[in-house]
């Protein structure tokens, strides 16, 4: 059943937001985050410290999309305040794996004794640090930080072997919402 649906989200203090051509742009100080979202038939207004969403004939799918958009905006507001941090751990049993940064790529050498190195692309605006057996991925954009951590984990995925024996890899150990600056 289609019905009128209206909702809003408060913009935190000190954050400037704008919406043009399906793209939200949020800024706080020097930090700027952009997110493109397709909101069909939805009227979006940014004024008086609020972002309001209005749709005249909304069905379940329209409402789901708007609520997802609000969740993305909450993550953007949180990212403008603090960094998101994912910590990954390097695990190996027999062959000592080496991980190093080369520009915007992470190079994984000697994984399961392989001669060829594996490389992982690091997303823009994401910082990656290798500290001994830990890899720390941090940044302002939650989606880019999470995708980079997932790319690192998937690069060392073991397939076609018994996971109980071949336990080598780089695994996500913790996801911190944000750290204070």
N, C-alpha and C. Protein backbone atom coordinates (compact mmCIF):
# COMPACT_ATOMS: atom_id res chain seq x y z
N UNK A 1 0.83 -1.17 0.00
CA UNK A 1 0.00 0.00 0.00
C UNK A 1 0.88 1.25 0.00
N UNK A 2 0.62 2.16 -0.89
CA UNK A 2 1.41 3.38 -0.98
C UNK A 2 0.82 4.44 -0.07
N UNK A 3 1.73 5.14 0.61
CA UNK A 3 1.30 6.19 1.52
C UNK A 3 2.35 7.29 1.56
N UNK A 4 2.01 8.41 2.15
CA UNK A 4 2.95 9.51 2.28
C UNK A 4 3.95 9.18 3.39
N UNK A 5 5.23 9.46 3.12
CA UNK A 5 6.28 9.16 4.10
C UNK A 5 7.19 10.37 4.25
N UNK A 6 7.37 10.80 5.49
CA UNK A 6 8.24 11.93 5.80
C UNK A 6 9.13 11.56 6.97
N UNK A 7 10.40 11.88 6.86
CA UNK A 7 11.32 11.67 7.96
C UNK A 7 12.47 12.67 7.82
N UNK A 8 13.27 12.79 8.88
CA UNK A 8 14.40 13.72 8.83
C UNK A 8 15.52 13.21 9.70
N UNK A 9 16.69 13.80 9.51
CA UNK A 9 17.85 13.51 10.35
C UNK A 9 18.47 14.84 10.74
N UNK A 10 18.86 14.94 12.01
CA UNK A 10 19.49 16.17 12.51
C UNK A 10 20.95 16.21 12.04
N UNK A 11 21.39 17.38 11.61
CA UNK A 11 22.79 17.58 11.24
C UNK A 11 23.54 18.01 12.50
N UNK A 12 24.63 17.31 12.86
CA UNK A 12 25.37 17.68 14.07
C UNK A 12 25.94 19.10 13.97
N UNK A 13 26.22 19.66 15.13
CA UNK A 13 26.73 21.02 15.19
C UNK A 13 28.11 21.11 14.54
N UNK A 14 28.31 22.13 13.74
CA UNK A 14 29.60 22.33 13.08
C UNK A 14 29.74 21.63 11.74
N UNK A 15 28.73 20.87 11.34
CA UNK A 15 28.77 20.14 10.07
C UNK A 15 27.91 20.88 9.05
N UNK A 16 28.47 21.08 7.87
CA UNK A 16 27.73 21.71 6.77
C UNK A 16 27.39 20.63 5.75
N UNK A 17 26.12 20.59 5.34
CA UNK A 17 25.68 19.58 4.37
C UNK A 17 25.01 20.24 3.18
N UNK A 18 25.15 19.59 2.03
CA UNK A 18 24.42 20.04 0.84
C UNK A 18 24.04 18.81 0.03
N UNK A 19 22.98 18.96 -0.77
CA UNK A 19 22.50 17.86 -1.62
C UNK A 19 22.25 18.42 -3.01
N UNK A 20 23.02 17.92 -3.99
CA UNK A 20 22.85 18.36 -5.38
C UNK A 20 23.06 17.17 -6.30
N UNK A 21 22.18 17.02 -7.27
CA UNK A 21 22.28 15.97 -8.29
C UNK A 21 22.50 14.57 -7.70
N UNK A 22 21.79 14.27 -6.63
CA UNK A 22 21.86 12.94 -6.03
C UNK A 22 23.11 12.70 -5.21
N UNK A 23 23.85 13.75 -4.85
CA UNK A 23 25.08 13.58 -4.07
C UNK A 23 25.04 14.43 -2.81
N UNK A 24 25.26 13.77 -1.68
CA UNK A 24 25.38 14.48 -0.41
C UNK A 24 26.84 14.86 -0.22
N UNK A 25 27.06 16.08 0.23
CA UNK A 25 28.40 16.57 0.52
C UNK A 25 28.39 17.13 1.92
N UNK A 26 29.16 16.51 2.82
CA UNK A 26 29.19 16.93 4.21
C UNK A 26 30.61 17.37 4.56
N UNK A 27 30.70 18.49 5.28
CA UNK A 27 32.00 19.07 5.58
C UNK A 27 32.03 19.54 7.02
N UNK A 28 33.18 19.26 7.68
CA UNK A 28 33.42 19.79 9.01
C UNK A 28 34.89 20.17 9.06
N UNK A 29 35.16 21.45 9.14
CA UNK A 29 36.55 21.93 9.10
C UNK A 29 37.16 21.61 7.74
N UNK A 30 38.28 20.89 7.76
CA UNK A 30 38.93 20.49 6.51
C UNK A 30 38.43 19.15 6.00
N UNK A 31 37.72 18.42 6.82
CA UNK A 31 37.25 17.08 6.44
C UNK A 31 36.02 17.19 5.55
N UNK A 32 36.06 16.50 4.42
CA UNK A 32 34.96 16.52 3.46
C UNK A 32 34.66 15.10 3.02
N UNK A 33 33.40 14.70 3.12
CA UNK A 33 32.97 13.37 2.67
C UNK A 33 31.80 13.54 1.71
N UNK A 34 31.85 12.77 0.61
CA UNK A 34 30.78 12.81 -0.38
C UNK A 34 30.19 11.41 -0.52
N UNK A 35 28.89 11.37 -0.80
CA UNK A 35 28.21 10.09 -1.00
C UNK A 35 27.12 10.27 -2.02
N UNK A 36 27.18 9.50 -3.09
CA UNK A 36 26.17 9.56 -4.14
C UNK A 36 25.09 8.53 -3.81
N UNK A 37 23.84 8.99 -3.79
CA UNK A 37 22.71 8.11 -3.49
C UNK A 37 21.58 8.41 -4.46
N UNK A 38 20.96 7.37 -4.97
CA UNK A 38 19.83 7.58 -5.88
C UNK A 38 18.53 7.45 -5.09
N UNK A 39 17.85 8.56 -4.95
CA UNK A 39 16.59 8.62 -4.21
C UNK A 39 15.49 9.03 -5.19
N UNK A 40 14.94 8.06 -5.89
CA UNK A 40 13.92 8.34 -6.89
C UNK A 40 12.63 8.83 -6.23
N UNK A 41 12.00 9.82 -6.84
CA UNK A 41 10.72 10.37 -6.39
C UNK A 41 10.75 10.92 -4.97
N UNK A 42 11.94 11.16 -4.43
CA UNK A 42 12.05 11.65 -3.06
C UNK A 42 12.50 13.10 -3.08
N UNK A 43 11.80 13.93 -2.34
CA UNK A 43 12.17 15.33 -2.22
C UNK A 43 13.09 15.46 -1.01
N UNK A 44 14.31 15.93 -1.25
CA UNK A 44 15.30 16.07 -0.18
C UNK A 44 15.57 17.55 0.03
N UNK A 45 15.45 17.99 1.28
CA UNK A 45 15.71 19.39 1.63
C UNK A 45 16.71 19.46 2.77
N UNK A 46 17.69 20.35 2.62
CA UNK A 46 18.67 20.58 3.67
C UNK A 46 18.48 22.01 4.17
N UNK A 47 17.90 22.14 5.36
CA UNK A 47 17.72 23.48 5.95
C UNK A 47 17.45 23.38 7.44
N UNK A 48 17.77 24.45 8.14
CA UNK A 48 17.55 24.56 9.58
C UNK A 48 18.20 23.43 10.37
N UNK A 49 19.38 22.99 9.98
CA UNK A 49 20.08 21.94 10.71
C UNK A 49 19.46 20.57 10.58
N UNK A 50 18.66 20.36 9.54
CA UNK A 50 18.02 19.06 9.32
C UNK A 50 18.08 18.70 7.84
N UNK A 51 18.10 17.41 7.58
CA UNK A 51 17.93 16.90 6.22
C UNK A 51 16.60 16.17 6.24
N UNK A 52 15.64 16.65 5.44
CA UNK A 52 14.31 16.02 5.44
C UNK A 52 14.08 15.28 4.13
N UNK A 53 13.41 14.15 4.25
CA UNK A 53 13.07 13.30 3.12
C UNK A 53 11.55 13.21 3.04
N UNK A 54 10.98 13.57 1.91
CA UNK A 54 9.53 13.51 1.71
C UNK A 54 9.24 12.74 0.43
N UNK A 55 8.27 11.84 0.51
CA UNK A 55 7.84 11.12 -0.68
C UNK A 55 6.32 10.98 -0.59
N UNK A 56 5.63 11.29 -1.68
CA UNK A 56 4.16 11.31 -1.65
C UNK A 56 3.56 9.91 -1.64
N UNK A 57 4.05 9.05 -2.52
CA UNK A 57 3.51 7.69 -2.59
C UNK A 57 4.65 6.70 -2.39
N UNK A 58 4.88 6.34 -1.13
CA UNK A 58 5.99 5.47 -0.80
C UNK A 58 5.51 4.05 -0.57
N UNK A 59 6.26 3.10 -1.10
CA UNK A 59 6.02 1.70 -0.78
C UNK A 59 7.14 1.22 0.14
N UNK A 60 7.16 -0.07 0.47
CA UNK A 60 8.16 -0.59 1.40
C UNK A 60 9.58 -0.35 0.90
N UNK A 61 9.80 -0.54 -0.40
CA UNK A 61 11.15 -0.39 -0.94
C UNK A 61 11.64 1.05 -0.84
N UNK A 62 10.78 2.02 -1.12
CA UNK A 62 11.17 3.43 -0.99
C UNK A 62 11.56 3.75 0.46
N UNK A 63 10.79 3.24 1.40
CA UNK A 63 11.07 3.50 2.81
C UNK A 63 12.39 2.86 3.22
N UNK A 64 12.66 1.64 2.73
CA UNK A 64 13.93 0.97 3.03
C UNK A 64 15.11 1.77 2.50
N UNK A 65 14.97 2.29 1.29
CA UNK A 65 16.06 3.06 0.67
C UNK A 65 16.32 4.34 1.47
N UNK A 66 15.27 5.02 1.88
CA UNK A 66 15.44 6.26 2.65
C UNK A 66 16.09 5.97 4.00
N UNK A 67 15.68 4.91 4.66
CA UNK A 67 16.28 4.58 5.96
C UNK A 67 17.74 4.16 5.81
N UNK A 68 18.07 3.47 4.71
CA UNK A 68 19.47 3.14 4.44
C UNK A 68 20.28 4.40 4.21
N UNK A 69 19.71 5.34 3.51
CA UNK A 69 20.36 6.63 3.25
C UNK A 69 20.64 7.35 4.57
N UNK A 70 19.70 7.31 5.48
CA UNK A 70 19.88 7.94 6.79
C UNK A 70 21.02 7.26 7.55
N UNK A 71 21.12 5.94 7.47
CA UNK A 71 22.21 5.22 8.13
C UNK A 71 23.56 5.61 7.53
N UNK A 72 23.61 5.75 6.20
CA UNK A 72 24.85 6.19 5.55
C UNK A 72 25.24 7.59 6.03
N UNK A 73 24.26 8.47 6.15
CA UNK A 73 24.54 9.83 6.61
C UNK A 73 25.04 9.84 8.06
N UNK A 74 24.49 8.97 8.90
CA UNK A 74 24.97 8.87 10.29
C UNK A 74 26.43 8.43 10.32
N UNK A 75 26.80 7.48 9.44
CA UNK A 75 28.19 7.04 9.35
C UNK A 75 29.10 8.17 8.85
N UNK A 76 28.59 8.97 7.92
CA UNK A 76 29.36 10.12 7.43
C UNK A 76 29.59 11.12 8.55
N UNK A 77 28.54 11.43 9.32
CA UNK A 77 28.68 12.38 10.43
C UNK A 77 29.67 11.86 11.47
N UNK A 78 29.61 10.57 11.75
CA UNK A 78 30.54 9.96 12.70
C UNK A 78 31.97 10.01 12.16
N UNK A 79 32.13 9.79 10.85
CA UNK A 79 33.45 9.83 10.23
C UNK A 79 34.05 11.22 10.20
N UNK A 80 33.21 12.24 10.14
CA UNK A 80 33.72 13.61 10.19
C UNK A 80 34.28 13.95 11.57
N UNK A 81 33.72 13.31 12.60
CA UNK A 81 34.17 13.54 13.97
C UNK A 81 35.47 12.79 14.28
N UNK A 82 35.50 11.49 13.94
CA UNK A 82 36.61 10.60 14.33
C UNK A 82 36.93 9.63 13.20
N UNK A 83 38.09 8.98 13.29
CA UNK A 83 38.48 7.97 12.31
C UNK A 83 37.87 6.61 12.66
N UNK A 84 37.60 5.82 11.63
CA UNK A 84 37.21 4.43 11.80
C UNK A 84 38.48 3.58 11.70
N UNK A 85 38.61 2.56 12.55
CA UNK A 85 39.83 1.76 12.58
C UNK A 85 39.48 0.28 12.55
N UNK A 86 40.10 -0.44 11.61
CA UNK A 86 40.00 -1.89 11.54
C UNK A 86 41.40 -2.43 11.81
N UNK A 87 41.49 -3.46 12.66
CA UNK A 87 42.77 -4.08 12.94
C UNK A 87 42.75 -5.50 12.41
N UNK A 88 43.77 -5.84 11.62
CA UNK A 88 43.89 -7.18 11.05
C UNK A 88 45.15 -7.83 11.61
N UNK A 89 45.14 -9.15 11.74
CA UNK A 89 46.29 -9.87 12.27
C UNK A 89 46.83 -10.81 11.21
N UNK A 90 48.16 -10.82 11.07
CA UNK A 90 48.84 -11.70 10.12
C UNK A 90 49.11 -13.02 10.84
N UNK A 91 48.59 -14.13 10.30
CA UNK A 91 48.76 -15.44 10.91
C UNK A 91 49.42 -16.39 9.90
N UNK A 92 50.42 -17.12 10.35
CA UNK A 92 51.02 -18.15 9.51
C UNK A 92 51.56 -19.26 10.41
N UNK A 93 51.62 -20.48 9.86
CA UNK A 93 52.06 -21.62 10.63
C UNK A 93 53.48 -22.03 10.23
N UNK A 94 53.72 -22.25 8.94
CA UNK A 94 55.02 -22.75 8.51
C UNK A 94 55.81 -21.73 7.71
N UNK A 95 55.22 -21.20 6.66
CA UNK A 95 55.93 -20.25 5.80
C UNK A 95 55.75 -18.82 6.33
N UNK A 96 56.86 -18.16 6.70
CA UNK A 96 56.74 -16.79 7.23
C UNK A 96 56.31 -15.80 6.15
N UNK A 97 55.12 -15.29 6.30
CA UNK A 97 54.54 -14.35 5.34
C UNK A 97 55.09 -12.94 5.65
N UNK A 98 55.42 -12.19 4.60
CA UNK A 98 55.85 -10.81 4.78
C UNK A 98 54.86 -9.88 4.11
N UNK A 99 54.54 -8.80 4.80
CA UNK A 99 53.58 -7.82 4.30
C UNK A 99 54.24 -6.45 4.34
N UNK A 100 54.20 -5.74 3.19
CA UNK A 100 54.80 -4.40 3.15
C UNK A 100 53.98 -3.49 2.26
N UNK A 101 54.10 -2.19 2.51
CA UNK A 101 53.40 -1.17 1.73
C UNK A 101 54.29 -0.68 0.60
N UNK A 102 53.71 -0.57 -0.59
CA UNK A 102 54.41 0.01 -1.73
C UNK A 102 53.45 0.98 -2.41
N UNK A 103 53.55 2.25 -2.05
CA UNK A 103 52.65 3.25 -2.60
C UNK A 103 51.23 3.04 -2.11
N UNK A 104 50.28 2.87 -3.05
CA UNK A 104 48.89 2.63 -2.66
C UNK A 104 48.52 1.16 -2.80
N UNK A 105 49.53 0.28 -2.63
CA UNK A 105 49.29 -1.16 -2.68
C UNK A 105 49.95 -1.84 -1.49
N UNK A 106 49.33 -2.91 -1.04
CA UNK A 106 49.88 -3.74 0.02
C UNK A 106 50.36 -5.02 -0.64
N UNK A 107 51.63 -5.37 -0.44
CA UNK A 107 52.22 -6.54 -1.09
C UNK A 107 52.40 -7.65 -0.05
N UNK A 108 51.84 -8.82 -0.36
CA UNK A 108 51.91 -9.98 0.53
C UNK A 108 52.82 -11.01 -0.15
N UNK A 109 53.96 -11.29 0.48
CA UNK A 109 54.94 -12.21 -0.10
C UNK A 109 55.01 -13.50 0.71
N UNK A 110 55.37 -14.58 0.03
CA UNK A 110 55.60 -15.90 0.64
C UNK A 110 54.36 -16.45 1.35
N UNK A 111 53.17 -16.16 0.85
CA UNK A 111 51.94 -16.71 1.42
C UNK A 111 51.84 -18.17 1.04
N UNK A 112 51.82 -19.07 2.01
CA UNK A 112 51.81 -20.52 1.82
C UNK A 112 52.99 -20.99 0.96
N UNK A 113 54.10 -20.25 0.99
CA UNK A 113 55.29 -20.61 0.23
C UNK A 113 55.22 -20.28 -1.25
N UNK A 114 54.24 -19.47 -1.66
CA UNK A 114 54.11 -19.11 -3.07
C UNK A 114 55.26 -18.22 -3.50
N UNK A 115 55.72 -18.41 -4.73
CA UNK A 115 56.80 -17.59 -5.27
C UNK A 115 56.30 -16.21 -5.70
N UNK A 116 55.06 -16.16 -6.20
CA UNK A 116 54.50 -14.91 -6.69
C UNK A 116 53.85 -14.14 -5.53
N UNK A 117 54.08 -12.84 -5.49
CA UNK A 117 53.49 -12.00 -4.45
C UNK A 117 52.05 -11.65 -4.81
N UNK A 118 51.25 -11.46 -3.78
CA UNK A 118 49.87 -11.01 -3.96
C UNK A 118 49.81 -9.53 -3.62
N UNK A 119 49.04 -8.77 -4.41
CA UNK A 119 48.93 -7.34 -4.14
C UNK A 119 47.47 -6.97 -3.87
N UNK A 120 47.30 -5.99 -3.01
CA UNK A 120 45.96 -5.51 -2.65
C UNK A 120 45.93 -4.01 -2.87
N UNK A 121 44.92 -3.54 -3.60
CA UNK A 121 44.75 -2.11 -3.84
C UNK A 121 44.15 -1.46 -2.59
N UNK A 122 44.73 -0.35 -2.20
CA UNK A 122 44.23 0.40 -1.05
C UNK A 122 43.36 1.54 -1.58
N UNK A 123 42.14 1.65 -1.05
CA UNK A 123 41.20 2.69 -1.48
C UNK A 123 41.76 4.08 -1.17
N UNK A 124 41.26 5.08 -1.91
CA UNK A 124 41.67 6.47 -1.66
C UNK A 124 41.24 6.90 -0.26
N UNK A 125 41.99 7.81 0.32
CA UNK A 125 41.69 8.40 1.63
C UNK A 125 41.72 7.39 2.78
N UNK A 126 42.41 6.27 2.58
CA UNK A 126 42.52 5.25 3.63
C UNK A 126 44.00 5.09 3.97
N UNK A 127 44.30 5.08 5.28
CA UNK A 127 45.67 4.90 5.74
C UNK A 127 45.85 3.46 6.20
N UNK A 128 46.94 2.83 5.76
CA UNK A 128 47.26 1.46 6.16
C UNK A 128 48.65 1.47 6.77
N UNK A 129 48.77 0.86 7.94
CA UNK A 129 50.06 0.74 8.62
C UNK A 129 50.31 -0.72 8.93
N UNK A 130 51.55 -1.16 8.73
CA UNK A 130 51.95 -2.52 9.08
C UNK A 130 52.86 -2.42 10.29
N UNK A 131 52.40 -3.00 11.42
CA UNK A 131 53.16 -2.96 12.67
C UNK A 131 53.40 -4.40 13.13
N UNK A 132 54.53 -4.97 12.76
CA UNK A 132 54.83 -6.34 13.15
C UNK A 132 53.83 -7.32 12.56
N UNK A 133 53.04 -7.98 13.43
CA UNK A 133 52.03 -8.93 12.96
C UNK A 133 50.64 -8.31 12.85
N UNK A 134 50.56 -7.00 12.94
CA UNK A 134 49.28 -6.31 12.84
C UNK A 134 49.26 -5.39 11.63
N UNK A 135 48.09 -5.30 11.00
CA UNK A 135 47.84 -4.34 9.93
C UNK A 135 46.70 -3.46 10.41
N UNK A 136 46.92 -2.15 10.45
CA UNK A 136 45.90 -1.21 10.93
C UNK A 136 45.41 -0.40 9.74
N UNK A 137 44.10 -0.47 9.49
CA UNK A 137 43.46 0.26 8.40
C UNK A 137 42.58 1.33 9.04
N UNK A 138 42.79 2.60 8.67
CA UNK A 138 42.00 3.67 9.27
C UNK A 138 41.65 4.72 8.23
N UNK A 139 40.58 5.46 8.51
CA UNK A 139 40.15 6.52 7.61
C UNK A 139 38.82 7.09 8.05
N UNK A 140 38.37 8.12 7.35
CA UNK A 140 37.13 8.81 7.68
C UNK A 140 35.90 8.15 7.08
N UNK A 141 36.04 7.51 5.91
CA UNK A 141 34.91 6.91 5.21
C UNK A 141 34.80 5.44 5.60
N UNK A 142 33.74 5.09 6.32
CA UNK A 142 33.56 3.73 6.83
C UNK A 142 33.53 2.70 5.71
N UNK A 143 32.88 3.01 4.60
CA UNK A 143 32.76 2.05 3.51
C UNK A 143 34.12 1.77 2.87
N UNK A 144 34.93 2.79 2.68
CA UNK A 144 36.25 2.59 2.08
C UNK A 144 37.18 1.84 3.03
N UNK A 145 37.11 2.15 4.32
CA UNK A 145 37.94 1.46 5.30
C UNK A 145 37.55 -0.02 5.37
N UNK A 146 36.25 -0.29 5.43
CA UNK A 146 35.77 -1.67 5.48
C UNK A 146 36.10 -2.44 4.22
N UNK A 147 35.99 -1.79 3.05
CA UNK A 147 36.29 -2.46 1.79
C UNK A 147 37.78 -2.78 1.67
N UNK A 148 38.64 -1.87 2.13
CA UNK A 148 40.08 -2.13 2.10
C UNK A 148 40.43 -3.30 3.01
N UNK A 149 39.86 -3.33 4.22
CA UNK A 149 40.12 -4.44 5.14
C UNK A 149 39.62 -5.76 4.55
N UNK A 150 38.46 -5.74 3.91
CA UNK A 150 37.92 -6.96 3.29
C UNK A 150 38.78 -7.41 2.12
N UNK A 151 39.31 -6.46 1.33
CA UNK A 151 40.19 -6.81 0.22
C UNK A 151 41.47 -7.48 0.71
N UNK A 152 42.01 -6.97 1.83
CA UNK A 152 43.22 -7.57 2.40
C UNK A 152 42.92 -8.99 2.88
N UNK A 153 41.79 -9.16 3.56
CA UNK A 153 41.42 -10.49 4.06
C UNK A 153 41.16 -11.47 2.92
N UNK A 154 40.48 -11.02 1.86
CA UNK A 154 40.18 -11.89 0.73
C UNK A 154 41.40 -12.25 -0.10
N UNK A 155 42.43 -11.41 -0.08
CA UNK A 155 43.65 -11.69 -0.84
C UNK A 155 44.37 -12.92 -0.30
N UNK A 156 44.17 -13.21 0.98
CA UNK A 156 44.84 -14.37 1.59
C UNK A 156 43.86 -15.49 1.92
N UNK A 157 42.78 -15.55 1.19
CA UNK A 157 41.78 -16.60 1.42
C UNK A 157 42.31 -17.92 0.85
N UNK A 158 42.25 -18.97 1.64
CA UNK A 158 42.72 -20.29 1.22
C UNK A 158 41.53 -21.06 0.68
N UNK A 159 41.66 -21.53 -0.55
CA UNK A 159 40.57 -22.33 -1.12
C UNK A 159 41.14 -23.66 -1.63
N UNK A 160 40.33 -24.68 -1.57
CA UNK A 160 40.75 -26.00 -2.04
C UNK A 160 41.62 -26.75 -1.06
N UNK A 161 41.74 -26.25 0.15
CA UNK A 161 42.53 -26.93 1.18
C UNK A 161 41.72 -26.96 2.48
N UNK A 162 42.11 -27.82 3.37
CA UNK A 162 41.43 -27.96 4.65
C UNK A 162 41.77 -26.77 5.55
N UNK A 163 40.79 -25.94 5.90
CA UNK A 163 41.01 -24.74 6.71
C UNK A 163 41.48 -25.08 8.13
N UNK A 164 41.22 -26.30 8.59
CA UNK A 164 41.67 -26.68 9.93
C UNK A 164 43.18 -26.85 9.97
N UNK A 165 43.78 -27.19 8.83
CA UNK A 165 45.23 -27.39 8.76
C UNK A 165 45.92 -26.13 8.22
N UNK A 166 45.41 -25.59 7.11
CA UNK A 166 46.00 -24.40 6.50
C UNK A 166 45.31 -23.16 7.09
N UNK A 167 45.86 -22.69 8.21
CA UNK A 167 45.25 -21.57 8.93
C UNK A 167 45.94 -20.25 8.65
N UNK A 168 46.73 -20.21 7.57
CA UNK A 168 47.45 -18.99 7.22
C UNK A 168 46.49 -17.94 6.66
N UNK A 169 46.85 -16.69 6.82
CA UNK A 169 46.05 -15.61 6.25
C UNK A 169 46.15 -14.34 7.06
N UNK A 170 45.45 -13.33 6.60
CA UNK A 170 45.33 -12.07 7.32
C UNK A 170 43.85 -11.91 7.66
N UNK A 171 43.55 -11.80 8.94
CA UNK A 171 42.16 -11.83 9.39
C UNK A 171 41.80 -10.56 10.15
N UNK A 172 40.55 -10.10 9.96
CA UNK A 172 40.05 -8.94 10.70
C UNK A 172 39.83 -9.37 12.15
N UNK A 173 40.47 -8.65 13.06
CA UNK A 173 40.39 -9.00 14.48
C UNK A 173 39.44 -8.06 15.21
N UNK A 174 39.51 -6.76 14.88
CA UNK A 174 38.61 -5.82 15.56
C UNK A 174 38.20 -4.70 14.62
N UNK A 175 36.98 -4.23 14.85
CA UNK A 175 36.43 -3.09 14.13
C UNK A 175 36.04 -2.07 15.19
N UNK A 176 36.79 -1.00 15.27
CA UNK A 176 36.46 0.04 16.24
C UNK A 176 35.64 1.10 15.56
N UNK A 177 34.59 1.50 16.20
CA UNK A 177 33.68 2.51 15.65
C UNK A 177 34.46 3.76 15.28
N UNK A 178 35.29 4.25 16.20
CA UNK A 178 36.10 5.43 15.93
C UNK A 178 37.05 5.65 17.09
N UNK A 179 38.13 6.38 16.85
CA UNK A 179 39.04 6.73 17.93
C UNK A 179 39.12 8.24 18.03
N UNK A 180 39.37 8.71 19.23
CA UNK A 180 39.49 10.15 19.47
C UNK A 180 40.79 10.65 18.85
N UNK A 181 40.75 11.88 18.39
CA UNK A 181 41.97 12.48 17.84
C UNK A 181 42.69 13.23 18.92
